[in-house]
N, C-alpha and C. Protein backbone atom coordinates (compact mmCIF):
# COMPACT_ATOMS: atom_id res chain seq x y z
N MET A 1 101.70 106.12 111.04
CA MET A 1 101.11 105.32 110.00
C MET A 1 99.67 105.77 109.79
N GLU A 2 99.32 106.00 108.55
CA GLU A 2 97.97 106.44 108.24
C GLU A 2 97.03 105.25 108.17
N HIS A 3 95.79 105.49 108.55
CA HIS A 3 94.79 104.43 108.44
C HIS A 3 93.57 105.02 107.77
N SER A 4 93.03 104.25 106.86
CA SER A 4 91.83 104.68 106.15
C SER A 4 90.84 103.54 106.14
N ASP A 5 89.57 103.86 106.28
CA ASP A 5 88.53 102.85 106.21
C ASP A 5 88.17 102.52 104.76
N GLU A 6 88.74 103.27 103.82
CA GLU A 6 88.46 103.06 102.41
C GLU A 6 89.12 101.76 101.94
N LEU A 7 88.35 100.92 101.26
CA LEU A 7 88.89 99.66 100.75
C LEU A 7 89.69 99.92 99.48
N THR A 8 90.80 99.24 99.34
CA THR A 8 91.59 99.34 98.12
C THR A 8 91.76 97.95 97.54
N PRO A 9 91.97 97.88 96.23
CA PRO A 9 92.13 96.56 95.59
C PRO A 9 93.35 95.83 96.13
N PHE A 10 93.28 94.54 96.09
CA PHE A 10 94.38 93.68 96.50
C PHE A 10 94.99 93.10 95.22
N TYR A 11 96.26 93.33 95.00
CA TYR A 11 96.95 92.79 93.84
C TYR A 11 97.92 91.72 94.32
N ARG A 12 97.96 90.63 93.61
CA ARG A 12 98.93 89.58 93.92
C ARG A 12 100.00 89.60 92.84
N ALA A 13 101.18 90.01 93.21
CA ALA A 13 102.29 90.04 92.27
C ALA A 13 103.27 88.94 92.64
N VAL A 14 103.51 88.06 91.70
CA VAL A 14 104.40 86.93 91.97
C VAL A 14 105.72 87.03 91.21
N ASP A 15 105.81 88.02 90.33
CA ASP A 15 107.04 88.24 89.58
C ASP A 15 107.09 89.70 89.15
N ALA A 16 108.19 90.08 88.51
CA ALA A 16 108.36 91.48 88.12
C ALA A 16 107.28 91.94 87.14
N ALA A 17 106.87 91.05 86.24
CA ALA A 17 105.85 91.44 85.25
C ALA A 17 104.50 91.72 85.91
N SER A 18 104.08 90.86 86.85
CA SER A 18 102.79 91.09 87.50
C SER A 18 102.86 92.29 88.45
N LEU A 19 104.02 92.52 89.06
CA LEU A 19 104.18 93.72 89.89
C LEU A 19 104.06 94.96 89.02
N GLY A 20 104.71 94.95 87.87
CA GLY A 20 104.64 96.09 86.95
C GLY A 20 103.23 96.36 86.49
N ARG A 21 102.49 95.30 86.15
CA ARG A 21 101.09 95.48 85.72
C ARG A 21 100.24 96.08 86.83
N SER A 22 100.46 95.62 88.07
CA SER A 22 99.65 96.14 89.17
C SER A 22 99.98 97.61 89.45
N ILE A 23 101.24 97.98 89.31
CA ILE A 23 101.62 99.39 89.48
C ILE A 23 100.99 100.22 88.37
N ALA A 24 101.04 99.73 87.15
CA ALA A 24 100.43 100.46 86.02
C ALA A 24 98.93 100.63 86.24
N ASP A 25 98.25 99.57 86.67
CA ASP A 25 96.81 99.66 86.93
C ASP A 25 96.51 100.69 88.01
N ALA A 26 97.28 100.67 89.10
CA ALA A 26 97.05 101.63 90.19
C ALA A 26 97.36 103.05 89.74
N ARG A 27 98.40 103.22 88.92
CA ARG A 27 98.75 104.55 88.41
C ARG A 27 97.62 105.10 87.56
N LYS A 28 97.09 104.26 86.68
CA LYS A 28 95.99 104.70 85.81
C LYS A 28 94.75 105.02 86.63
N GLU A 29 94.47 104.19 87.63
CA GLU A 29 93.32 104.43 88.51
C GLU A 29 93.46 105.77 89.24
N ALA A 30 94.70 106.12 89.58
CA ALA A 30 94.95 107.39 90.27
C ALA A 30 95.06 108.57 89.30
N ALA A 31 94.88 108.30 88.00
CA ALA A 31 94.94 109.32 86.95
C ALA A 31 96.28 110.04 86.95
N ILE A 32 97.36 109.27 87.06
CA ILE A 32 98.73 109.80 87.02
C ILE A 32 99.38 109.26 85.76
N THR A 33 100.01 110.14 84.98
CA THR A 33 100.72 109.69 83.79
C THR A 33 102.07 109.11 84.19
N GLN A 34 102.66 108.37 83.27
CA GLN A 34 104.00 107.85 83.52
C GLN A 34 104.99 109.00 83.76
N GLN A 35 104.86 110.08 83.00
CA GLN A 35 105.76 111.22 83.16
C GLN A 35 105.57 111.86 84.54
N GLU A 36 104.34 112.00 84.98
CA GLU A 36 104.09 112.59 86.31
C GLU A 36 104.67 111.71 87.42
N LEU A 37 104.51 110.40 87.29
CA LEU A 37 105.07 109.49 88.28
C LEU A 37 106.59 109.58 88.28
N ALA A 38 107.17 109.63 87.10
CA ALA A 38 108.63 109.76 86.99
C ALA A 38 109.12 111.03 87.68
N MET A 39 108.42 112.12 87.47
CA MET A 39 108.82 113.39 88.09
C MET A 39 108.71 113.31 89.61
N LYS A 40 107.65 112.68 90.12
CA LYS A 40 107.49 112.52 91.57
C LYS A 40 108.65 111.73 92.18
N LEU A 41 109.14 110.74 91.42
CA LEU A 41 110.19 109.87 91.94
C LEU A 41 111.60 110.35 91.60
N GLY A 42 111.69 111.35 90.73
CA GLY A 42 113.01 111.84 90.34
C GLY A 42 113.75 110.87 89.42
N VAL A 43 112.97 110.17 88.58
CA VAL A 43 113.56 109.24 87.61
C VAL A 43 113.05 109.60 86.22
N THR A 44 113.54 108.91 85.22
CA THR A 44 113.07 109.17 83.86
C THR A 44 111.78 108.39 83.58
N ARG A 45 111.07 108.83 82.57
CA ARG A 45 109.87 108.10 82.15
C ARG A 45 110.25 106.70 81.70
N GLY A 46 111.42 106.55 81.10
CA GLY A 46 111.90 105.24 80.68
C GLY A 46 112.00 104.26 81.84
N THR A 47 112.36 104.75 83.02
CA THR A 47 112.42 103.90 84.20
C THR A 47 111.02 103.39 84.55
N ILE A 48 110.03 104.25 84.45
CA ILE A 48 108.65 103.85 84.75
C ILE A 48 108.16 102.86 83.71
N VAL A 49 108.50 103.09 82.45
CA VAL A 49 108.13 102.15 81.38
C VAL A 49 108.73 100.78 81.69
N ARG A 50 110.01 100.74 82.05
CA ARG A 50 110.66 99.46 82.40
C ARG A 50 109.99 98.80 83.59
N LEU A 51 109.70 99.59 84.62
CA LEU A 51 109.05 99.06 85.82
C LEU A 51 107.72 98.42 85.47
N GLU A 52 106.90 99.12 84.71
CA GLU A 52 105.56 98.63 84.37
C GLU A 52 105.61 97.45 83.41
N ALA A 53 106.71 97.31 82.67
CA ALA A 53 106.87 96.18 81.75
C ALA A 53 107.52 94.97 82.43
N GLY A 54 107.89 95.13 83.69
CA GLY A 54 108.53 94.03 84.40
C GLY A 54 110.03 93.97 84.21
N GLY A 55 110.60 95.07 83.73
CA GLY A 55 112.04 95.13 83.52
C GLY A 55 112.81 95.44 84.79
N ALA A 56 114.11 95.52 84.65
CA ALA A 56 114.99 95.74 85.80
C ALA A 56 114.96 97.21 86.25
N VAL A 57 114.53 97.41 87.49
CA VAL A 57 114.63 98.70 88.17
C VAL A 57 114.99 98.39 89.63
N SER A 58 115.43 99.39 90.35
CA SER A 58 115.80 99.15 91.74
C SER A 58 114.55 98.90 92.60
N VAL A 59 114.74 98.13 93.64
CA VAL A 59 113.65 97.86 94.58
C VAL A 59 113.17 99.17 95.19
N VAL A 60 114.08 100.09 95.44
CA VAL A 60 113.72 101.39 96.02
C VAL A 60 112.75 102.13 95.11
N VAL A 61 113.04 102.17 93.83
CA VAL A 61 112.15 102.84 92.87
C VAL A 61 110.79 102.15 92.84
N ALA A 62 110.78 100.83 92.83
CA ALA A 62 109.51 100.09 92.80
C ALA A 62 108.68 100.41 94.04
N MET A 63 109.30 100.41 95.21
CA MET A 63 108.57 100.70 96.44
C MET A 63 108.08 102.14 96.47
N GLN A 64 108.89 103.07 96.00
CA GLN A 64 108.47 104.47 95.94
C GLN A 64 107.30 104.64 94.98
N ALA A 65 107.33 103.93 93.86
CA ALA A 65 106.25 104.02 92.88
C ALA A 65 104.95 103.49 93.48
N ILE A 66 105.03 102.39 94.21
CA ILE A 66 103.84 101.83 94.84
C ILE A 66 103.22 102.83 95.81
N ARG A 67 104.04 103.45 96.62
CA ARG A 67 103.53 104.45 97.57
C ARG A 67 102.98 105.68 96.84
N ALA A 68 103.64 106.09 95.76
CA ALA A 68 103.22 107.29 95.03
C ALA A 68 101.86 107.12 94.37
N VAL A 69 101.48 105.89 94.05
CA VAL A 69 100.16 105.65 93.45
C VAL A 69 99.12 105.29 94.50
N GLY A 70 99.49 105.44 95.77
CA GLY A 70 98.52 105.27 96.85
C GLY A 70 98.30 103.85 97.31
N ARG A 71 99.28 103.01 97.15
CA ARG A 71 99.16 101.62 97.57
C ARG A 71 100.19 101.28 98.65
N ASP A 72 99.96 100.17 99.31
CA ASP A 72 100.89 99.64 100.30
C ASP A 72 101.39 98.29 99.82
N VAL A 73 102.44 97.80 100.44
CA VAL A 73 103.00 96.51 100.08
C VAL A 73 102.94 95.59 101.29
N ALA A 74 102.52 94.37 101.05
CA ALA A 74 102.57 93.32 102.08
C ALA A 74 103.32 92.15 101.46
N LEU A 75 104.42 91.78 102.06
CA LEU A 75 105.19 90.64 101.57
C LEU A 75 104.74 89.41 102.33
N VAL A 76 104.31 88.41 101.60
CA VAL A 76 103.78 87.20 102.20
C VAL A 76 104.62 86.02 101.71
N PRO A 77 105.18 85.24 102.63
CA PRO A 77 105.97 84.08 102.19
C PRO A 77 105.13 83.13 101.35
N ARG A 78 105.77 82.53 100.38
CA ARG A 78 105.10 81.57 99.51
C ARG A 78 104.50 80.45 100.35
N PHE A 79 103.37 79.97 99.96
CA PHE A 79 102.63 78.90 100.61
C PHE A 79 101.98 79.34 101.93
N SER A 80 101.99 80.62 102.21
CA SER A 80 101.30 81.12 103.40
C SER A 80 99.84 81.34 103.06
N LYS A 81 99.01 81.25 104.07
CA LYS A 81 97.60 81.55 103.89
C LYS A 81 97.41 83.02 104.25
N LEU A 82 96.62 83.69 103.46
CA LEU A 82 96.43 85.12 103.67
C LEU A 82 94.95 85.41 103.56
N GLN A 83 94.42 86.09 104.58
CA GLN A 83 93.05 86.58 104.54
C GLN A 83 93.10 88.08 104.56
N VAL A 84 92.46 88.71 103.60
CA VAL A 84 92.43 90.17 103.53
C VAL A 84 91.04 90.60 103.98
N ARG A 85 91.00 91.40 105.02
CA ARG A 85 89.73 91.91 105.55
C ARG A 85 89.80 93.43 105.69
N PRO A 86 88.65 94.07 105.63
CA PRO A 86 88.62 95.53 105.85
C PRO A 86 88.93 95.85 107.30
């Protein structure tokens, strides 16, 4: 597991639409086009468009996209308290 002291933004995604927006934001921050991300994942650009719009895509593709844009995922049960620290 890699560790970096570099701080990264924390996104709270509570549904497919907010997850898609956070992936789109991270992709743009990483200066990766939708087509480039699609090629990295071996999917079509249409799949990335659906993902970023909150449409139906596989969980595997969503997780791969998150990693490809340089982010990690933390699943937190609803009503849990979460403190994010460097």
